[in-house]
Amino acid sequence: MSMIWNQRTSDSVSPGGNSEGDSLRMIPLWSVVLAIVVFFGTMFFFNMPGPGPNGPPDAVRRNNNPPQQQQQRRRSNAEVGRLMFSYTTAAALASLILLIGYVSRDVKRRPMPAALWILIVAVMPGGIGAVVYFLLRQPIMTRCPNCTTELAATVHFCPQCQFQVAPVCGRCFRGVQITDVYCAQCGHDVAEDHAPARLRAYSD
């Protein structure tokens, strides 16, 4: 079954940046810097040295005090617990800031209210807001370069004007890369389909 390729050559703007795989690039620089500052600031806040010796001065005069070695062991365990708590808290806060930064960019590519979802991710505790966002987020939308119809990023042809926006296999009609020689799904020689050269602008 041969593929009928749309041979229109009208100039169009590449709908780049819609790939789901570039998640790390979606995190803005301000979010990364703020996360680093909050992480180390939280660690310093919980682990900064105290103003004086541990315990009241008259504690050493009491007869029921534990031995010095046991007291040092307890103090060491307390320091380890404080260090673990501070690290966990700092990592959680830094991760939340990175999530807010990611959502602030990702939500703008989708038909969703940006301010509302950023607020939900920032306010809901325990990362619940981020989980809800990833469960309910809408698909990325683009516009057809030919007729400006709003399209989901996963479509290959515009449903209004039949303009081809992504390369597909001429046999199984699944998406392929413009540089592929054979279809990864059915082994069809995609060179036989004569994909328009303009689709190179849409390939990754």
C-alpha atoms as a PDB file:
ATOM      1  CA  MET A   1       0.000   0.000   0.000  1.00  0.00           C
ATOM      2  CA  SER A   2       1.747   3.126  -1.169  1.00  0.00           C
ATOM      3  CA  MET A   3       1.685   6.397   0.703  1.00  0.00           C
ATOM      4  CA  ILE A   4       0.377   9.535  -0.973  1.00  0.00           C
ATOM      5  CA  TRP A   5       2.607  12.315   0.314  1.00  0.00           C
ATOM      6  CA  ASN A   6       1.389  15.873   0.476  1.00  0.00           C
ATOM      7  CA  GLN A   7       3.669  17.805  -1.844  1.00  0.00           C
ATOM      8  CA  ARG A   8       2.836  21.335  -0.737  1.00  0.00           C
ATOM      9  CA  THR A   9       5.961  23.479  -0.452  1.00  0.00           C
ATOM     10  CA  SER A  10       4.576  26.539   1.291  1.00  0.00           C
ATOM     11  CA  ASP A  11       6.884  28.194   3.800  1.00  0.00           C
ATOM     12  CA  SER A  12       6.100  27.316   7.390  1.00  0.00           C
ATOM     13  CA  VAL A  13       7.452  27.736  10.859  1.00  0.00           C
ATOM     14  CA  SER A  14       8.809  24.619  12.479  1.00  0.00           C
ATOM     15  CA  PRO A  15       6.762  23.544  15.508  1.00  0.00           C
ATOM     16  CA  GLY A  16       9.863  22.658  17.465  1.00  0.00           C
ATOM     17  CA  GLY A  17      10.135  22.254  21.167  1.00  0.00           C
ATOM     18  CA  ASN A  18       7.169  19.929  21.494  1.00  0.00           C
ATOM     19  CA  SER A  19       9.055  16.760  22.247  1.00  0.00           C
ATOM     20  CA  GLU A  20       8.250  15.008  25.508  1.00  0.00           C
ATOM     21  CA  GLY A  21      11.810  13.736  25.825  1.00  0.00           C
ATOM     22  CA  ASP A  22      13.561  17.053  26.527  1.00  0.00           C
ATOM     23  CA  SER A  23      12.267  17.324  30.098  1.00  0.00           C
ATOM     24  CA  LEU A  24      15.564  18.521  31.589  1.00  0.00           C
ATOM     25  CA  ARG A  25      15.734  21.381  29.102  1.00  0.00           C
ATOM     26  CA  MET A  26      12.318  22.521  30.268  1.00  0.00           C
ATOM     27  CA  ILE A  27      13.647  23.431  33.737  1.00  0.00           C
ATOM     28  CA  PRO A  28      14.439  27.189  33.691  1.00  0.00           C
ATOM     29  CA  LEU A  29      17.744  28.531  34.956  1.00  0.00           C
ATOM     30  CA  TRP A  30      16.154  30.578  37.730  1.00  0.00           C
ATOM     31  CA  SER A  31      14.614  27.416  39.142  1.00  0.00           C
ATOM     32  CA  VAL A  32      17.951  25.573  39.170  1.00  0.00           C
ATOM     33  CA  VAL A  33      19.754  28.485  40.874  1.00  0.00           C
ATOM     34  CA  LEU A  34      16.997  28.950  43.449  1.00  0.00           C
ATOM     35  CA  ALA A  35      16.929  25.205  44.194  1.00  0.00           C
ATOM     36  CA  ILE A  36      20.696  25.180  44.851  1.00  0.00           C
ATOM     37  CA  VAL A  37      20.451  28.225  47.124  1.00  0.00           C
ATOM     38  CA  VAL A  38      17.526  26.748  49.075  1.00  0.00           C
ATOM     39  CA  PHE A  39      19.257  23.370  49.425  1.00  0.00           C
ATOM     40  CA  PHE A  40      22.481  24.732  50.904  1.00  0.00           C
ATOM     41  CA  GLY A  41      20.648  27.394  52.903  1.00  0.00           C
ATOM     42  CA  THR A  42      18.450  24.765  54.530  1.00  0.00           C
ATOM     43  CA  MET A  43      21.454  22.568  55.293  1.00  0.00           C
ATOM     44  CA  PHE A  44      23.252  25.484  56.928  1.00  0.00           C
ATOM     45  CA  PHE A  45      20.184  26.530  58.910  1.00  0.00           C
ATOM     46  CA  PHE A  46      19.716  23.098  60.484  1.00  0.00           C
ATOM     47  CA  ASN A  47      23.424  22.398  61.042  1.00  0.00           C
ATOM     48  CA  MET A  48      24.864  25.744  62.106  1.00  0.00           C
ATOM     49  CA  PRO A  49      26.794  25.608  65.394  1.00  0.00           C
ATOM     50  CA  GLY A  50      24.921  26.388  68.607  1.00  0.00           C
ATOM     51  CA  PRO A  51      25.585  29.463  70.754  1.00  0.00           C
ATOM     52  CA  GLY A  52      27.194  27.554  73.610  1.00  0.00           C
ATOM     53  CA  PRO A  53      27.843  24.199  75.262  1.00  0.00           C
ATOM     54  CA  ASN A  54      25.143  21.556  75.122  1.00  0.00           C
ATOM     55  CA  GLY A  55      22.982  21.381  78.215  1.00  0.00           C
ATOM     56  CA  PRO A  56      22.929  23.636  81.335  1.00  0.00           C
ATOM     57  CA  PRO A  57      26.226  24.178  83.216  1.00  0.00           C
ATOM     58  CA  ASP A  58      24.984  22.565  86.428  1.00  0.00           C
ATOM     59  CA  ALA A  59      24.072  19.315  84.656  1.00  0.00           C
ATOM     60  CA  VAL A  60      27.547  17.894  85.187  1.00  0.00           C
ATOM     61  CA  ARG A  61      27.170  18.232  88.946  1.00  0.00           C
ATOM     62  CA  ARG A  62      24.217  15.886  89.179  1.00  0.00           C
ATOM     63  CA  ASN A  63      24.914  12.376  90.394  1.00  0.00           C
ATOM     64  CA  ASN A  64      22.422  10.723  88.032  1.00  0.00           C
ATOM     65  CA  ASN A  65      24.208  11.949  84.856  1.00  0.00           C
ATOM     66  CA  PRO A  66      25.248   9.235  82.369  1.00  0.00           C
ATOM     67  CA  PRO A  67      28.960   8.639  81.904  1.00  0.00           C
ATOM     68  CA  GLN A  68      30.878  10.956  79.609  1.00  0.00           C
ATOM     69  CA  GLN A  69      31.283   8.313  76.899  1.00  0.00           C
ATOM     70  CA  GLN A  70      27.547   7.562  76.780  1.00  0.00           C
ATOM     71  CA  GLN A  71      26.754  11.261  76.669  1.00  0.00           C
ATOM     72  CA  GLN A  72      29.059  11.737  73.688  1.00  0.00           C
ATOM     73  CA  ARG A  73      27.428   8.797  71.936  1.00  0.00           C
ATOM     74  CA  ARG A  74      23.997  10.313  72.381  1.00  0.00           C
ATOM     75  CA  ARG A  75      25.258  13.641  71.135  1.00  0.00           C
ATOM     76  CA  SER A  76      26.750  11.957  68.058  1.00  0.00           C
ATOM     77  CA  ASN A  77      23.475  10.132  67.313  1.00  0.00           C
ATOM     78  CA  ALA A  78      21.592  13.387  67.623  1.00  0.00           C
ATOM     79  CA  GLU A  79      23.944  15.079  65.164  1.00  0.00           C
ATOM     80  CA  VAL A  80      23.529  12.235  62.648  1.00  0.00           C
ATOM     81  CA  GLY A  81      19.744  12.417  62.975  1.00  0.00           C
ATOM     82  CA  ARG A  82      19.784  16.173  62.525  1.00  0.00           C
ATOM     83  CA  LEU A  83      22.006  15.832  59.451  1.00  0.00           C
ATOM     84  CA  MET A  84      19.674  13.268  57.859  1.00  0.00           C
ATOM     85  CA  PHE A  85      16.615  15.385  58.635  1.00  0.00           C
ATOM     86  CA  SER A  86      18.210  18.525  57.213  1.00  0.00           C
ATOM     87  CA  TYR A  87      19.306  16.707  54.035  1.00  0.00           C
ATOM     88  CA  THR A  88      15.833  15.233  53.480  1.00  0.00           C
ATOM     89  CA  THR A  89      14.141  18.585  54.027  1.00  0.00           C
ATOM     90  CA  ALA A  90      16.598  20.448  51.785  1.00  0.00           C
ATOM     91  CA  ALA A  91      16.257  17.891  48.992  1.00  0.00           C
ATOM     92  CA  ALA A  92      12.452  18.012  49.183  1.00  0.00           C
ATOM     93  CA  LEU A  93      12.373  21.818  49.000  1.00  0.00           C
ATOM     94  CA  ALA A  94      14.867  21.902  46.110  1.00  0.00           C
ATOM     95  CA  SER A  95      12.882  19.263  44.208  1.00  0.00           C
ATOM     96  CA  LEU A  96       9.677  21.251  44.700  1.00  0.00           C
ATOM     97  CA  ILE A  97      11.309  24.372  43.267  1.00  0.00           C
ATOM     98  CA  LEU A  98      12.560  22.422  40.235  1.00  0.00           C
ATOM     99  CA  LEU A  99       9.052  21.014  39.713  1.00  0.00           C
ATOM    100  CA  ILE A 100       7.527  24.487  39.882  1.00  0.00           C
ATOM    101  CA  GLY A 101      10.058  25.707  37.322  1.00  0.00           C
ATOM    102  CA  TYR A 102       9.293  22.802  34.995  1.00  0.00           C
ATOM    103  CA  VAL A 103       5.539  23.230  35.273  1.00  0.00           C
ATOM    104  CA  SER A 104       5.819  26.992  34.684  1.00  0.00           C
ATOM    105  CA  ARG A 105       7.209  26.245  31.219  1.00  0.00           C
ATOM    106  CA  ASP A 106       5.440  23.019  30.368  1.00  0.00           C
ATOM    107  CA  VAL A 107       1.940  24.293  31.129  1.00  0.00           C
ATOM    108  CA  LYS A 108       2.341  27.127  28.604  1.00  0.00           C
ATOM    109  CA  ARG A 109       2.603  24.558  25.794  1.00  0.00           C
ATOM    110  CA  ARG A 110      -0.780  23.076  26.681  1.00  0.00           C
ATOM    111  CA  PRO A 111      -4.386  24.352  26.754  1.00  0.00           C
ATOM    112  CA  MET A 112      -4.357  24.733  30.539  1.00  0.00           C
ATOM    113  CA  PRO A 113      -4.468  27.776  32.883  1.00  0.00           C
ATOM    114  CA  ALA A 114      -0.810  28.381  33.719  1.00  0.00           C
ATOM    115  CA  ALA A 115      -1.211  30.463  36.910  1.00  0.00           C
ATOM    116  CA  LEU A 116      -3.693  28.017  38.438  1.00  0.00           C
ATOM    117  CA  TRP A 117      -1.514  24.946  37.912  1.00  0.00           C
ATOM    118  CA  ILE A 118       1.649  26.652  39.136  1.00  0.00           C
ATOM    119  CA  LEU A 119      -0.239  27.607  42.308  1.00  0.00           C
ATOM    120  CA  ILE A 120      -1.536  24.054  42.746  1.00  0.00           C
ATOM    121  CA  VAL A 121       1.949  22.549  42.419  1.00  0.00           C
ATOM    122  CA  ALA A 122       3.429  25.117  44.819  1.00  0.00           C
ATOM    123  CA  VAL A 123       0.737  24.946  47.521  1.00  0.00           C
ATOM    124  CA  MET A 124      -0.315  21.302  47.732  1.00  0.00           C
ATOM    125  CA  PRO A 125       1.997  19.469  50.193  1.00  0.00           C
ATOM    126  CA  GLY A 126       4.114  16.415  49.571  1.00  0.00           C
ATOM    127  CA  GLY A 127       4.334  16.919  45.812  1.00  0.00           C
ATOM    128  CA  ILE A 128       0.664  15.990  45.421  1.00  0.00           C
ATOM    129  CA  GLY A 129       0.108  18.987  43.166  1.00  0.00           C
ATOM    130  CA  ALA A 130       2.814  17.800  40.762  1.00  0.00           C
ATOM    131  CA  VAL A 131       1.319  14.301  40.668  1.00  0.00           C
ATOM    132  CA  VAL A 132      -2.120  15.730  39.881  1.00  0.00           C
ATOM    133  CA  TYR A 133      -0.637  17.926  37.157  1.00  0.00           C
ATOM    134  CA  PHE A 134       1.136  15.049  35.406  1.00  0.00           C
ATOM    135  CA  LEU A 135      -2.012  12.924  35.599  1.00  0.00           C
ATOM    136  CA  LEU A 136      -4.348  15.584  34.196  1.00  0.00           C
ATOM    137  CA  ARG A 137      -2.157  17.610  31.829  1.00  0.00           C
ATOM    138  CA  GLN A 138      -3.472  18.023  28.310  1.00  0.00           C
ATOM    139  CA  PRO A 139      -1.486  17.066  25.182  1.00  0.00           C
ATOM    140  CA  ILE A 140       0.858  19.593  23.612  1.00  0.00           C
ATOM    141  CA  MET A 141      -0.866  21.639  20.940  1.00  0.00           C
ATOM    142  CA  THR A 142       0.651  23.112  17.772  1.00  0.00           C
ATOM    143  CA  ARG A 143      -0.756  24.878  14.733  1.00  0.00           C
ATOM    144  CA  CYS A 144      -0.868  23.567  11.208  1.00  0.00           C
ATOM    145  CA  PRO A 145       1.687  25.530   9.143  1.00  0.00           C
ATOM    146  CA  ASN A 146      -0.733  25.552   6.211  1.00  0.00           C
ATOM    147  CA  CYS A 147      -4.140  26.485   7.674  1.00  0.00           C
ATOM    148  CA  THR A 148      -3.258  27.338  11.345  1.00  0.00           C
ATOM    149  CA  THR A 149      -5.662  24.722  12.706  1.00  0.00           C
ATOM    150  CA  GLU A 150      -4.777  23.746  16.283  1.00  0.00           C
ATOM    151  CA  LEU A 151      -3.313  20.232  16.329  1.00  0.00           C
ATOM    152  CA  ALA A 152      -2.109  17.772  18.907  1.00  0.00           C
ATOM    153  CA  ALA A 153       1.661  17.279  18.695  1.00  0.00           C
ATOM    154  CA  THR A 154       1.222  13.559  17.950  1.00  0.00           C
ATOM    155  CA  VAL A 155      -0.750  13.897  14.694  1.00  0.00           C
ATOM    156  CA  HIS A 156       0.852  13.343  11.294  1.00  0.00           C
ATOM    157  CA  PHE A 157      -1.706  15.060   9.048  1.00  0.00           C
ATOM    158  CA  CYS A 158      -3.910  18.088   9.555  1.00  0.00           C
ATOM    159  CA  PRO A 159      -7.556  16.943   9.679  1.00  0.00           C
ATOM    160  CA  GLN A 160      -8.709  20.140   7.950  1.00  0.00           C
ATOM    161  CA  CYS A 161      -6.366  20.529   4.971  1.00  0.00           C
ATOM    162  CA  GLN A 162      -4.488  17.163   4.854  1.00  0.00           C
ATOM    163  CA  PHE A 163      -1.160  18.956   5.220  1.00  0.00           C
ATOM    164  CA  GLN A 164       1.489  16.497   6.412  1.00  0.00           C
ATOM    165  CA  VAL A 165       3.337  17.706   9.497  1.00  0.00           C
ATOM    166  CA  ALA A 166       5.326  14.571  10.408  1.00  0.00           C
ATOM    167  CA  PRO A 167       6.882  11.652   8.489  1.00  0.00           C
ATOM    168  CA  VAL A 168       5.070   8.303   8.631  1.00  0.00           C
ATOM    169  CA  CYS A 169       5.599   4.828   7.219  1.00  0.00           C
ATOM    170  CA  GLY A 170       3.795   4.257   3.944  1.00  0.00           C
ATOM    171  CA  ARG A 171       2.790   0.726   4.944  1.00  0.00           C
ATOM    172  CA  CYS A 172       1.792   0.774   8.620  1.00  0.00           C
ATOM    173  CA  PHE A 173       1.318   4.570   8.922  1.00  0.00           C
ATOM    174  CA  ARG A 174       3.252   4.774  12.179  1.00  0.00           C
ATOM    175  CA  GLY A 175       5.562   7.648  12.915  1.00  0.00           C
ATOM    176  CA  VAL A 176       9.170   7.429  11.721  1.00  0.00           C
ATOM    177  CA  GLN A 177      12.190   9.717  11.759  1.00  0.00           C
ATOM    178  CA  ILE A 178      12.995  11.549   8.547  1.00  0.00           C
ATOM    179  CA  THR A 179      16.481   9.968   8.630  1.00  0.00           C
ATOM    180  CA  ASP A 180      15.192   6.384   8.967  1.00  0.00           C
ATOM    181  CA  VAL A 181      15.883   4.034   6.060  1.00  0.00           C
ATOM    182  CA  TYR A 182      13.433   1.350   7.185  1.00  0.00           C
ATOM    183  CA  CYS A 183      10.383   1.474   9.431  1.00  0.00           C
ATOM    184  CA  ALA A 184      11.183   0.173  12.909  1.00  0.00           C
ATOM    185  CA  GLN A 185       7.711  -1.407  13.187  1.00  0.00           C
ATOM    186  CA  CYS A 186       7.188  -3.247   9.883  1.00  0.00           C
ATOM    187  CA  GLY A 187      10.547  -3.004   8.085  1.00  0.00           C
ATOM    188  CA  HIS A 188       9.130  -1.056   5.145  1.00  0.00           C
ATOM    189  CA  ASP A 189      11.627   0.885   3.020  1.00  0.00           C
ATOM    190  CA  VAL A 190      10.536   4.424   3.851  1.00  0.00           C
ATOM    191  CA  ALA A 191      12.669   5.842   1.051  1.00  0.00           C
ATOM    192  CA  GLU A 192      10.054   4.508  -1.368  1.00  0.00           C
ATOM    193  CA  ASP A 193       7.468   6.857   0.137  1.00  0.00           C
ATOM    194  CA  HIS A 194       9.372   9.963  -1.034  1.00  0.00           C
ATOM    195  CA  ALA A 195       8.829  12.071   2.044  1.00  0.00           C
ATOM    196  CA  PRO A 196       8.779  15.820   1.334  1.00  0.00           C
ATOM    197  CA  ALA A 197      12.088  17.514   2.129  1.00  0.00           C
ATOM    198  CA  ARG A 198      10.231  20.149   4.164  1.00  0.00           C
ATOM    199  CA  LEU A 199       9.552  17.531   6.869  1.00  0.00           C
ATOM    200  CA  ARG A 200      13.221  17.734   7.844  1.00  0.00           C
ATOM    201  CA  ALA A 201      12.302  20.983   9.549  1.00  0.00           C
ATOM    202  CA  TYR A 202       9.996  19.030  11.884  1.00  0.00           C
ATOM    203  CA  SER A 203      12.341  16.146  12.671  1.00  0.00           C
ATOM    204  CA  ASP A 204      14.322  16.036  15.926  1.00  0.00           C
END
